[in-house]
mmCIF file of all heavy atoms, coordinates in Angstrom:
data_MODEL
# 
_entry.id   MODEL 
# 
loop_
_atom_site.group_PDB 
_atom_site.id 
_atom_site.type_symbol 
_atom_site.label_atom_id 
_atom_site.label_alt_id 
_atom_site.label_comp_id 
_atom_site.label_asym_id 
_atom_site.label_entity_id 
_atom_site.label_seq_id 
_atom_site.pdbx_PDB_ins_code 
_atom_site.Cartn_x 
_atom_site.Cartn_y 
_atom_site.Cartn_z 
_atom_site.occupancy 
_atom_site.B_iso_or_equiv 
_atom_site.pdbx_formal_charge 
_atom_site.auth_seq_id 
_atom_site.auth_comp_id 
_atom_site.auth_asym_id 
_atom_site.auth_atom_id 
_atom_site.pdbx_PDB_model_num 
ATOM 1   N N   . ALA A 1 1  ? -26.139 -55.671 -54.342 1.00 0.00 ? 1  ALA A N   1 
ATOM 2   C CA  . ALA A 1 1  ? -25.832 -54.613 -55.301 1.00 0.00 ? 1  ALA A CA  1 
ATOM 3   C C   . ALA A 1 1  ? -25.896 -55.227 -56.686 1.00 0.00 ? 1  ALA A C   1 
ATOM 4   O O   . ALA A 1 1  ? -25.471 -56.368 -56.881 1.00 0.00 ? 1  ALA A O   1 
ATOM 5   C CB  . ALA A 1 1  ? -24.443 -54.039 -55.039 1.00 0.00 ? 1  ALA A CB  1 
ATOM 6   N N   . PHE A 1 2  ? -26.428 -54.474 -57.637 1.00 0.00 ? 2  PHE A N   1 
ATOM 7   C CA  . PHE A 1 2  ? -26.485 -54.998 -59.001 1.00 0.00 ? 2  PHE A CA  1 
ATOM 8   C C   . PHE A 1 2  ? -26.333 -53.866 -60.002 1.00 0.00 ? 2  PHE A C   1 
ATOM 9   O O   . PHE A 1 2  ? -26.648 -52.705 -59.713 1.00 0.00 ? 2  PHE A O   1 
ATOM 10  C CB  . PHE A 1 2  ? -27.777 -55.786 -59.253 1.00 0.00 ? 2  PHE A CB  1 
ATOM 11  C CG  . PHE A 1 2  ? -29.054 -54.996 -59.163 1.00 0.00 ? 2  PHE A CG  1 
ATOM 12  C CD1 . PHE A 1 2  ? -29.587 -54.364 -60.287 1.00 0.00 ? 2  PHE A CD1 1 
ATOM 13  C CD2 . PHE A 1 2  ? -29.751 -54.911 -57.965 1.00 0.00 ? 2  PHE A CD2 1 
ATOM 14  C CE1 . PHE A 1 2  ? -30.777 -53.656 -60.215 1.00 0.00 ? 2  PHE A CE1 1 
ATOM 15  C CE2 . PHE A 1 2  ? -30.944 -54.204 -57.878 1.00 0.00 ? 2  PHE A CE2 1 
ATOM 16  C CZ  . PHE A 1 2  ? -31.456 -53.569 -59.011 1.00 0.00 ? 2  PHE A CZ  1 
ATOM 17  N N   . THR A 1 3  ? -25.827 -54.198 -61.168 1.00 0.00 ? 3  THR A N   1 
ATOM 18  C CA  . THR A 1 3  ? -25.767 -53.262 -62.284 1.00 0.00 ? 3  THR A CA  1 
ATOM 19  C C   . THR A 1 3  ? -26.862 -53.619 -63.265 1.00 0.00 ? 3  THR A C   1 
ATOM 20  O O   . THR A 1 3  ? -27.227 -54.790 -63.429 1.00 0.00 ? 3  THR A O   1 
ATOM 21  C CB  . THR A 1 3  ? -24.399 -53.286 -62.977 1.00 0.00 ? 3  THR A CB  1 
ATOM 22  O OG1 . THR A 1 3  ? -24.044 -54.644 -63.306 1.00 0.00 ? 3  THR A OG1 1 
ATOM 23  C CG2 . THR A 1 3  ? -23.332 -52.684 -62.079 1.00 0.00 ? 3  THR A CG2 1 
ATOM 24  N N   . MET A 1 4  ? -27.406 -52.598 -63.917 1.00 0.00 ? 4  MET A N   1 
ATOM 25  C CA  . MET A 1 4  ? -28.534 -52.817 -64.812 1.00 0.00 ? 4  MET A CA  1 
ATOM 26  C C   . MET A 1 4  ? -28.488 -51.848 -65.978 1.00 0.00 ? 4  MET A C   1 
ATOM 27  O O   . MET A 1 4  ? -27.774 -50.840 -65.961 1.00 0.00 ? 4  MET A O   1 
ATOM 28  C CB  . MET A 1 4  ? -29.859 -52.656 -64.072 1.00 0.00 ? 4  MET A CB  1 
ATOM 29  C CG  . MET A 1 4  ? -30.051 -51.334 -63.329 1.00 0.00 ? 4  MET A CG  1 
ATOM 30  S SD  . MET A 1 4  ? -30.370 -49.856 -64.366 1.00 0.00 ? 4  MET A SD  1 
ATOM 31  C CE  . MET A 1 4  ? -31.972 -50.293 -65.056 1.00 0.00 ? 4  MET A CE  1 
ATOM 32  N N   . THR A 1 5  ? -29.258 -52.165 -66.995 1.00 0.00 ? 5  THR A N   1 
ATOM 33  C CA  . THR A 1 5  ? -29.474 -51.286 -68.133 1.00 0.00 ? 5  THR A CA  1 
ATOM 34  C C   . THR A 1 5  ? -30.911 -51.432 -68.590 1.00 0.00 ? 5  THR A C   1 
ATOM 35  O O   . THR A 1 5  ? -31.528 -52.493 -68.410 1.00 0.00 ? 5  THR A O   1 
ATOM 36  C CB  . THR A 1 5  ? -28.506 -51.628 -69.284 1.00 0.00 ? 5  THR A CB  1 
ATOM 37  O OG1 . THR A 1 5  ? -28.812 -50.820 -70.437 1.00 0.00 ? 5  THR A OG1 1 
ATOM 38  C CG2 . THR A 1 5  ? -28.617 -53.080 -69.703 1.00 0.00 ? 5  THR A CG2 1 
ATOM 39  N N   . ASP A 1 6  ? -31.469 -50.361 -69.141 1.00 0.00 ? 6  ASP A N   1 
ATOM 40  C CA  . ASP A 1 6  ? -32.770 -50.423 -69.792 1.00 0.00 ? 6  ASP A CA  1 
ATOM 41  C C   . ASP A 1 6  ? -32.677 -49.582 -71.064 1.00 0.00 ? 6  ASP A C   1 
ATOM 42  O O   . ASP A 1 6  ? -31.625 -48.989 -71.339 1.00 0.00 ? 6  ASP A O   1 
ATOM 43  C CB  . ASP A 1 6  ? -33.904 -49.978 -68.856 1.00 0.00 ? 6  ASP A CB  1 
ATOM 44  C CG  . ASP A 1 6  ? -33.816 -48.524 -68.417 1.00 0.00 ? 6  ASP A CG  1 
ATOM 45  O OD1 . ASP A 1 6  ? -33.370 -47.674 -69.206 1.00 0.00 ? 6  ASP A OD1 1 
ATOM 46  O OD2 . ASP A 1 6  ? -34.219 -48.226 -67.270 1.00 0.00 ? 6  ASP A OD2 1 
ATOM 47  N N   . PRO A 1 7  ? -33.710 -49.521 -71.884 1.00 0.00 ? 7  PRO A N   1 
ATOM 48  C CA  . PRO A 1 7  ? -33.568 -48.854 -73.180 1.00 0.00 ? 7  PRO A CA  1 
ATOM 49  C C   . PRO A 1 7  ? -33.128 -47.398 -73.125 1.00 0.00 ? 7  PRO A C   1 
ATOM 50  O O   . PRO A 1 7  ? -32.562 -46.892 -74.103 1.00 0.00 ? 7  PRO A O   1 
ATOM 51  C CB  . PRO A 1 7  ? -34.964 -48.995 -73.791 1.00 0.00 ? 7  PRO A CB  1 
ATOM 52  C CG  . PRO A 1 7  ? -35.481 -50.276 -73.230 1.00 0.00 ? 7  PRO A CG  1 
ATOM 53  C CD  . PRO A 1 7  ? -34.989 -50.278 -71.811 1.00 0.00 ? 7  PRO A CD  1 
ATOM 54  N N   . SER A 1 8  ? -33.334 -46.708 -72.025 1.00 0.00 ? 8  SER A N   1 
ATOM 55  C CA  . SER A 1 8  ? -32.908 -45.308 -71.938 1.00 0.00 ? 8  SER A CA  1 
ATOM 56  C C   . SER A 1 8  ? -31.750 -45.103 -70.968 1.00 0.00 ? 8  SER A C   1 
ATOM 57  O O   . SER A 1 8  ? -31.316 -43.971 -70.758 1.00 0.00 ? 8  SER A O   1 
ATOM 58  C CB  . SER A 1 8  ? -34.092 -44.423 -71.504 1.00 0.00 ? 8  SER A CB  1 
ATOM 59  O OG  . SER A 1 8  ? -34.520 -44.762 -70.195 1.00 0.00 ? 8  SER A OG  1 
ATOM 60  N N   . THR A 1 9  ? -31.239 -46.187 -70.389 1.00 0.00 ? 9  THR A N   1 
ATOM 61  C CA  . THR A 1 9  ? -30.186 -46.103 -69.378 1.00 0.00 ? 9  THR A CA  1 
ATOM 62  C C   . THR A 1 9  ? -29.030 -47.007 -69.774 1.00 0.00 ? 9  THR A C   1 
ATOM 63  O O   . THR A 1 9  ? -29.153 -48.232 -69.708 1.00 0.00 ? 9  THR A O   1 
ATOM 64  C CB  . THR A 1 9  ? -30.717 -46.545 -68.004 1.00 0.00 ? 9  THR A CB  1 
ATOM 65  O OG1 . THR A 1 9  ? -31.885 -45.790 -67.674 1.00 0.00 ? 9  THR A OG1 1 
ATOM 66  C CG2 . THR A 1 9  ? -29.659 -46.368 -66.928 1.00 0.00 ? 9  THR A CG2 1 
ATOM 67  N N   . PRO A 1 10 ? -27.887 -46.437 -70.162 1.00 0.00 ? 10 PRO A N   1 
ATOM 68  C CA  . PRO A 1 10 ? -26.760 -47.300 -70.513 1.00 0.00 ? 10 PRO A CA  1 
ATOM 69  C C   . PRO A 1 10 ? -26.322 -48.209 -69.375 1.00 0.00 ? 10 PRO A C   1 
ATOM 70  O O   . PRO A 1 10 ? -25.959 -49.358 -69.608 1.00 0.00 ? 10 PRO A O   1 
ATOM 71  C CB  . PRO A 1 10 ? -25.665 -46.298 -70.890 1.00 0.00 ? 10 PRO A CB  1 
ATOM 72  C CG  . PRO A 1 10 ? -26.403 -45.076 -71.339 1.00 0.00 ? 10 PRO A CG  1 
ATOM 73  C CD  . PRO A 1 10 ? -27.608 -45.019 -70.454 1.00 0.00 ? 10 PRO A CD  1 
ATOM 74  N N   . GLY A 1 11 ? -26.344 -47.695 -68.139 1.00 0.00 ? 11 GLY A N   1 
ATOM 75  C CA  . GLY A 1 11 ? -25.972 -48.541 -67.014 1.00 0.00 ? 11 GLY A CA  1 
ATOM 76  C C   . GLY A 1 11 ? -25.955 -47.776 -65.714 1.00 0.00 ? 11 GLY A C   1 
ATOM 77  O O   . GLY A 1 11 ? -25.587 -46.600 -65.670 1.00 0.00 ? 11 GLY A O   1 
ATOM 78  N N   . GLU A 1 12 ? -26.378 -48.429 -64.629 1.00 0.00 ? 12 GLU A N   1 
ATOM 79  C CA  . GLU A 1 12 ? -26.319 -47.867 -63.285 1.00 0.00 ? 12 GLU A CA  1 
ATOM 80  C C   . GLU A 1 12 ? -26.017 -48.986 -62.291 1.00 0.00 ? 12 GLU A C   1 
ATOM 81  O O   . GLU A 1 12 ? -26.307 -50.164 -62.546 1.00 0.00 ? 12 GLU A O   1 
ATOM 82  C CB  . GLU A 1 12 ? -27.644 -47.209 -62.878 1.00 0.00 ? 12 GLU A CB  1 
ATOM 83  C CG  . GLU A 1 12 ? -28.086 -46.043 -63.731 1.00 0.00 ? 12 GLU A CG  1 
ATOM 84  C CD  . GLU A 1 12 ? -27.271 -44.765 -63.542 1.00 0.00 ? 12 GLU A CD  1 
ATOM 85  O OE1 . GLU A 1 12 ? -26.255 -44.811 -62.812 1.00 0.00 ? 12 GLU A OE1 1 
ATOM 86  O OE2 . GLU A 1 12 ? -27.648 -43.734 -64.123 1.00 0.00 ? 12 GLU A OE2 1 
ATOM 87  N N   . LEU A 1 13 ? -25.439 -48.590 -61.150 1.00 0.00 ? 13 LEU A N   1 
ATOM 88  C CA  . LEU A 1 13 ? -25.272 -49.493 -60.013 1.00 0.00 ? 13 LEU A CA  1 
ATOM 89  C C   . LEU A 1 13 ? -26.381 -49.201 -59.015 1.00 0.00 ? 13 LEU A C   1 
ATOM 90  O O   . LEU A 1 13 ? -26.596 -48.044 -58.630 1.00 0.00 ? 13 LEU A O   1 
ATOM 91  C CB  . LEU A 1 13 ? -23.903 -49.292 -59.365 1.00 0.00 ? 13 LEU A CB  1 
ATOM 92  C CG  . LEU A 1 13 ? -23.624 -50.113 -58.095 1.00 0.00 ? 13 LEU A CG  1 
ATOM 93  C CD1 . LEU A 1 13 ? -23.584 -51.595 -58.407 1.00 0.00 ? 13 LEU A CD1 1 
ATOM 94  C CD2 . LEU A 1 13 ? -22.306 -49.674 -57.446 1.00 0.00 ? 13 LEU A CD2 1 
ATOM 95  N N   . ILE A 1 14 ? -27.079 -50.258 -58.595 1.00 0.00 ? 14 ILE A N   1 
ATOM 96  C CA  . ILE A 1 14 ? -28.248 -50.132 -57.722 1.00 0.00 ? 14 ILE A CA  1 
ATOM 97  C C   . ILE A 1 14 ? -28.001 -50.912 -56.430 1.00 0.00 ? 14 ILE A C   1 
ATOM 98  O O   . ILE A 1 14 ? -27.406 -51.993 -56.456 1.00 0.00 ? 14 ILE A O   1 
ATOM 99  C CB  . ILE A 1 14 ? -29.517 -50.687 -58.411 1.00 0.00 ? 14 ILE A CB  1 
ATOM 100 C CG1 . ILE A 1 14 ? -29.696 -50.080 -59.813 1.00 0.00 ? 14 ILE A CG1 1 
ATOM 101 C CG2 . ILE A 1 14 ? -30.747 -50.462 -57.551 1.00 0.00 ? 14 ILE A CG2 1 
ATOM 102 C CD1 . ILE A 1 14 ? -29.997 -48.617 -59.826 1.00 0.00 ? 14 ILE A CD1 1 
ATOM 103 N N   . TRP A 1 15 ? -28.470 -50.358 -55.309 1.00 0.00 ? 15 TRP A N   1 
ATOM 104 C CA  . TRP A 1 15 ? -28.445 -51.054 -54.019 1.00 0.00 ? 15 TRP A CA  1 
ATOM 105 C C   . TRP A 1 15 ? -29.867 -51.471 -53.676 1.00 0.00 ? 15 TRP A C   1 
ATOM 106 O O   . TRP A 1 15 ? -30.793 -50.659 -53.721 1.00 0.00 ? 15 TRP A O   1 
ATOM 107 C CB  . TRP A 1 15 ? -27.881 -50.155 -52.934 1.00 0.00 ? 15 TRP A CB  1 
ATOM 108 C CG  . TRP A 1 15 ? -27.811 -50.800 -51.576 1.00 0.00 ? 15 TRP A CG  1 
ATOM 109 C CD1 . TRP A 1 15 ? -28.685 -50.658 -50.545 1.00 0.00 ? 15 TRP A CD1 1 
ATOM 110 C CD2 . TRP A 1 15 ? -26.799 -51.709 -51.128 1.00 0.00 ? 15 TRP A CD2 1 
ATOM 111 N NE1 . TRP A 1 15 ? -28.289 -51.411 -49.469 1.00 0.00 ? 15 TRP A NE1 1 
ATOM 112 C CE2 . TRP A 1 15 ? -27.127 -52.072 -49.794 1.00 0.00 ? 15 TRP A CE2 1 
ATOM 113 C CE3 . TRP A 1 15 ? -25.651 -52.259 -51.716 1.00 0.00 ? 15 TRP A CE3 1 
ATOM 114 C CZ2 . TRP A 1 15 ? -26.344 -52.959 -49.052 1.00 0.00 ? 15 TRP A CZ2 1 
ATOM 115 C CZ3 . TRP A 1 15 ? -24.872 -53.139 -50.963 1.00 0.00 ? 15 TRP A CZ3 1 
ATOM 116 C CH2 . TRP A 1 15 ? -25.223 -53.478 -49.648 1.00 0.00 ? 15 TRP A CH2 1 
ATOM 117 N N   . LEU A 1 16 ? -30.059 -52.753 -53.339 1.00 0.00 ? 16 LEU A N   1 
ATOM 118 C CA  . LEU A 1 16 ? -31.368 -53.294 -52.988 1.00 0.00 ? 16 LEU A CA  1 
ATOM 119 C C   . LEU A 1 16 ? -31.324 -53.819 -51.560 1.00 0.00 ? 16 LEU A C   1 
ATOM 120 O O   . LEU A 1 16 ? -30.503 -54.677 -51.228 1.00 0.00 ? 16 LEU A O   1 
ATOM 121 C CB  . LEU A 1 16 ? -31.744 -54.430 -53.948 1.00 0.00 ? 16 LEU A CB  1 
ATOM 122 C CG  . LEU A 1 16 ? -32.985 -55.257 -53.595 1.00 0.00 ? 16 LEU A CG  1 
ATOM 123 C CD1 . LEU A 1 16 ? -34.245 -54.392 -53.605 1.00 0.00 ? 16 LEU A CD1 1 
ATOM 124 C CD2 . LEU A 1 16 ? -33.128 -56.440 -54.552 1.00 0.00 ? 16 LEU A CD2 1 
ATOM 125 N N   . GLN A 1 17 ? -32.227 -53.295 -50.725 1.00 0.00 ? 17 GLN A N   1 
ATOM 126 C CA  . GLN A 1 17 ? -32.329 -53.752 -49.337 1.00 0.00 ? 17 GLN A CA  1 
ATOM 127 C C   . GLN A 1 17 ? -33.747 -53.543 -48.847 1.00 0.00 ? 17 GLN A C   1 
ATOM 128 O O   . GLN A 1 17 ? -34.372 -52.514 -49.133 1.00 0.00 ? 17 GLN A O   1 
ATOM 129 C CB  . GLN A 1 17 ? -31.339 -52.995 -48.442 1.00 0.00 ? 17 GLN A CB  1 
ATOM 130 C CG  . GLN A 1 17 ? -31.254 -53.531 -47.021 1.00 0.00 ? 17 GLN A CG  1 
ATOM 131 C CD  . GLN A 1 17 ? -30.100 -52.918 -46.234 1.00 0.00 ? 17 GLN A CD  1 
ATOM 132 O OE1 . GLN A 1 17 ? -29.376 -52.064 -46.725 1.00 0.00 ? 17 GLN A OE1 1 
ATOM 133 N NE2 . GLN A 1 17 ? -29.915 -53.375 -44.998 1.00 0.00 ? 17 GLN A NE2 1 
ATOM 134 N N   . ASP A 1 18 ? -34.276 -54.527 -48.129 1.00 0.00 ? 18 ASP A N   1 
ATOM 135 C CA  . ASP A 1 18 ? -35.645 -54.465 -47.590 1.00 0.00 ? 18 ASP A CA  1 
ATOM 136 C C   . ASP A 1 18 ? -36.660 -54.176 -48.692 1.00 0.00 ? 18 ASP A C   1 
ATOM 137 O O   . ASP A 1 18 ? -37.648 -53.450 -48.472 1.00 0.00 ? 18 ASP A O   1 
ATOM 138 C CB  . ASP A 1 18 ? -35.737 -53.398 -46.494 1.00 0.00 ? 18 ASP A CB  1 
ATOM 139 C CG  . ASP A 1 18 ? -34.830 -53.701 -45.313 1.00 0.00 ? 18 ASP A CG  1 
ATOM 140 O OD1 . ASP A 1 18 ? -34.639 -54.900 -45.012 1.00 0.00 ? 18 ASP A OD1 1 
ATOM 141 O OD2 . ASP A 1 18 ? -34.289 -52.746 -44.727 1.00 0.00 ? 18 ASP A OD2 1 
ATOM 142 N N   . GLY A 1 19 ? -36.402 -54.707 -49.883 1.00 0.00 ? 19 GLY A N   1 
ATOM 143 C CA  . GLY A 1 19 ? -37.338 -54.542 -50.984 1.00 0.00 ? 19 GLY A CA  1 
ATOM 144 C C   . GLY A 1 19 ? -37.301 -53.192 -51.662 1.00 0.00 ? 19 GLY A C   1 
ATOM 145 O O   . GLY A 1 19 ? -38.095 -52.934 -52.571 1.00 0.00 ? 19 GLY A O   1 
ATOM 146 N N   . ARG A 1 20 ? -36.381 -52.306 -51.238 1.00 0.00 ? 20 ARG A N   1 
ATOM 147 C CA  . ARG A 1 20 ? -36.299 -50.969 -51.818 1.00 0.00 ? 20 ARG A CA  1 
ATOM 148 C C   . ARG A 1 20 ? -34.985 -50.807 -52.569 1.00 0.00 ? 20 ARG A C   1 
ATOM 149 O O   . ARG A 1 20 ? -33.921 -51.223 -52.091 1.00 0.00 ? 20 ARG A O   1 
ATOM 150 C CB  . ARG A 1 20 ? -36.420 -49.898 -50.728 1.00 0.00 ? 20 ARG A CB  1 
ATOM 151 C CG  . ARG A 1 20 ? -37.783 -49.854 -50.050 1.00 0.00 ? 20 ARG A CG  1 
ATOM 152 C CD  . ARG A 1 20 ? -37.927 -48.608 -49.175 1.00 0.00 ? 20 ARG A CD  1 
ATOM 153 N NE  . ARG A 1 20 ? -36.956 -48.598 -48.091 1.00 0.00 ? 20 ARG A NE  1 
ATOM 154 C CZ  . ARG A 1 20 ? -37.164 -49.165 -46.910 1.00 0.00 ? 20 ARG A CZ  1 
ATOM 155 N NH1 . ARG A 1 20 ? -38.303 -49.779 -46.661 1.00 0.00 ? 20 ARG A NH1 1 
ATOM 156 N NH2 . ARG A 1 20 ? -36.240 -49.099 -45.960 1.00 0.00 ? 20 ARG A NH2 1 
ATOM 157 N N   . GLU A 1 21 ? -35.063 -50.183 -53.724 1.00 0.00 ? 21 GLU A N   1 
ATOM 158 C CA  . GLU A 1 21 ? -33.887 -49.934 -54.549 1.00 0.00 ? 21 GLU A CA  1 
ATOM 159 C C   . GLU A 1 21 ? -33.498 -48.465 -54.474 1.00 0.00 ? 21 GLU A C   1 
ATOM 160 O O   . GLU A 1 21 ? -34.360 -47.595 -54.392 1.00 0.00 ? 21 GLU A O   1 
ATOM 161 C CB  . GLU A 1 21 ? -34.164 -50.291 -56.014 1.00 0.00 ? 21 GLU A CB  1 
ATOM 162 C CG  . GLU A 1 21 ? -34.457 -51.752 -56.264 1.00 0.00 ? 21 GLU A CG  1 
ATOM 163 C CD  . GLU A 1 21 ? -34.698 -52.041 -57.735 1.00 0.00 ? 21 GLU A CD  1 
ATOM 164 O OE1 . GLU A 1 21 ? -34.419 -51.148 -58.572 1.00 0.00 ? 21 GLU A OE1 1 
ATOM 165 O OE2 . GLU A 1 21 ? -35.162 -53.150 -58.060 1.00 0.00 ? 21 GLU A OE2 1 
ATOM 166 N N   . ARG A 1 22 ? -32.195 -48.219 -54.491 1.00 0.00 ? 22 ARG A N   1 
ATOM 167 C CA  . ARG A 1 22 ? -31.733 -46.842 -54.643 1.00 0.00 ? 22 ARG A CA  1 
ATOM 168 C C   . ARG A 1 22 ? -30.492 -46.822 -55.526 1.00 0.00 ? 22 ARG A C   1 
ATOM 169 O O   . ARG A 1 22 ? -29.663 -47.731 -55.479 1.00 0.00 ? 22 ARG A O   1 
ATOM 170 C CB  . ARG A 1 22 ? -31.447 -46.189 -53.296 1.00 0.00 ? 22 ARG A CB  1 
ATOM 171 C CG  . ARG A 1 22 ? -30.270 -46.740 -52.517 1.00 0.00 ? 22 ARG A CG  1 
ATOM 172 C CD  . ARG A 1 22 ? -30.147 -46.008 -51.183 1.00 0.00 ? 22 ARG A CD  1 
ATOM 173 N NE  . ARG A 1 22 ? -29.080 -46.514 -50.340 1.00 0.00 ? 22 ARG A NE  1 
ATOM 174 C CZ  . ARG A 1 22 ? -27.850 -45.988 -50.297 1.00 0.00 ? 22 ARG A CZ  1 
ATOM 175 N NH1 . ARG A 1 22 ? -27.547 -44.939 -51.067 1.00 0.00 ? 22 ARG A NH1 1 
ATOM 176 N NH2 . ARG A 1 22 ? -26.929 -46.490 -49.493 1.00 0.00 ? 22 ARG A NH2 1 
ATOM 177 N N   . ASN A 1 23 ? -30.398 -45.776 -56.324 1.00 0.00 ? 23 ASN A N   1 
ATOM 178 C CA  . ASN A 1 23 ? -29.258 -45.639 -57.214 1.00 0.00 ? 23 ASN A CA  1 
ATOM 179 C C   . ASN A 1 23 ? -27.990 -45.315 -56.430 1.00 0.00 ? 23 ASN A C   1 
ATOM 180 O O   . ASN A 1 23 ? -27.962 -44.363 -55.644 1.00 0.00 ? 23 ASN A O   1 
ATOM 181 C CB  . ASN A 1 23 ? -29.509 -44.529 -58.240 1.00 0.00 ? 23 ASN A CB  1 
ATOM 182 C CG  . ASN A 1 23 ? -30.289 -45.016 -59.434 1.00 0.00 ? 23 ASN A CG  1 
ATOM 183 O OD1 . ASN A 1 23 ? -31.254 -45.758 -59.273 1.00 0.00 ? 23 ASN A OD1 1 
ATOM 184 N ND2 . ASN A 1 23 ? -29.873 -44.614 -60.614 1.00 0.00 ? 23 ASN A ND2 1 
ATOM 185 N N   . VAL A 1 24 ? -26.954 -46.090 -56.674 1.00 0.00 ? 24 VAL A N   1 
ATOM 186 C CA  . VAL A 1 24 ? -25.629 -45.762 -56.153 1.00 0.00 ? 24 VAL A CA  1 
ATOM 187 C C   . VAL A 1 24 ? -24.940 -44.786 -57.101 1.00 0.00 ? 24 VAL A C   1 
ATOM 188 O O   . VAL A 1 24 ? -24.266 -43.856 -56.679 1.00 0.00 ? 24 VAL A O   1 
ATOM 189 C CB  . VAL A 1 24 ? -24.792 -47.042 -55.978 1.00 0.00 ? 24 VAL A CB  1 
ATOM 190 C CG1 . VAL A 1 24 ? -23.344 -46.707 -55.634 1.00 0.00 ? 24 VAL A CG1 1 
ATOM 191 C CG2 . VAL A 1 24 ? -25.412 -47.933 -54.903 1.00 0.00 ? 24 VAL A CG2 1 
ATOM 192 N N   . THR A 1 25 ? -25.130 -45.013 -58.397 1.00 0.00 ? 25 THR A N   1 
ATOM 193 C CA  . THR A 1 25 ? -24.577 -44.112 -59.414 1.00 0.00 ? 25 THR A CA  1 
ATOM 194 C C   . THR A 1 25 ? -25.707 -43.361 -60.102 1.00 0.00 ? 25 THR A C   1 
ATOM 195 O O   . THR A 1 25 ? -26.876 -43.757 -60.023 1.00 0.00 ? 25 THR A O   1 
ATOM 196 C CB  . THR A 1 25 ? -23.782 -44.895 -60.468 1.00 0.00 ? 25 THR A CB  1 
ATOM 197 O OG1 . THR A 1 25 ? -24.647 -45.862 -61.083 1.00 0.00 ? 25 THR A OG1 1 
ATOM 198 C CG2 . THR A 1 25 ? -22.592 -45.605 -59.839 1.00 0.00 ? 25 THR A CG2 1 
ATOM 199 N N   . ASP A 1 26 ? -25.357 -42.289 -60.779 1.00 0.00 ? 26 ASP A N   1 
ATOM 200 C CA  . ASP A 1 26 ? -26.316 -41.521 -61.571 1.00 0.00 ? 26 ASP A CA  1 
ATOM 201 C C   . ASP A 1 26 ? -25.652 -41.159 -62.903 1.00 0.00 ? 26 ASP A C   1 
ATOM 202 O O   . ASP A 1 26 ? -25.590 -39.998 -63.300 1.00 0.00 ? 26 ASP A O   1 
ATOM 203 C CB  . ASP A 1 26 ? -26.755 -40.272 -60.814 1.00 0.00 ? 26 ASP A CB  1 
ATOM 204 C CG  . ASP A 1 26 ? -28.001 -39.628 -61.431 1.00 0.00 ? 26 ASP A CG  1 
ATOM 205 O OD1 . ASP A 1 26 ? -28.627 -40.270 -62.296 1.00 0.00 ? 26 ASP A OD1 1 
ATOM 206 O OD2 . ASP A 1 26 ? -28.323 -38.492 -61.057 1.00 0.00 ? 26 ASP A OD2 1 
# 
């Protein structure tokens, strides 16, 4: 699990498994 930000996203929690990411938060 990781938290991230990009220029249009203040922050989200992401789950990564088997090379695929899915948003935990929106």
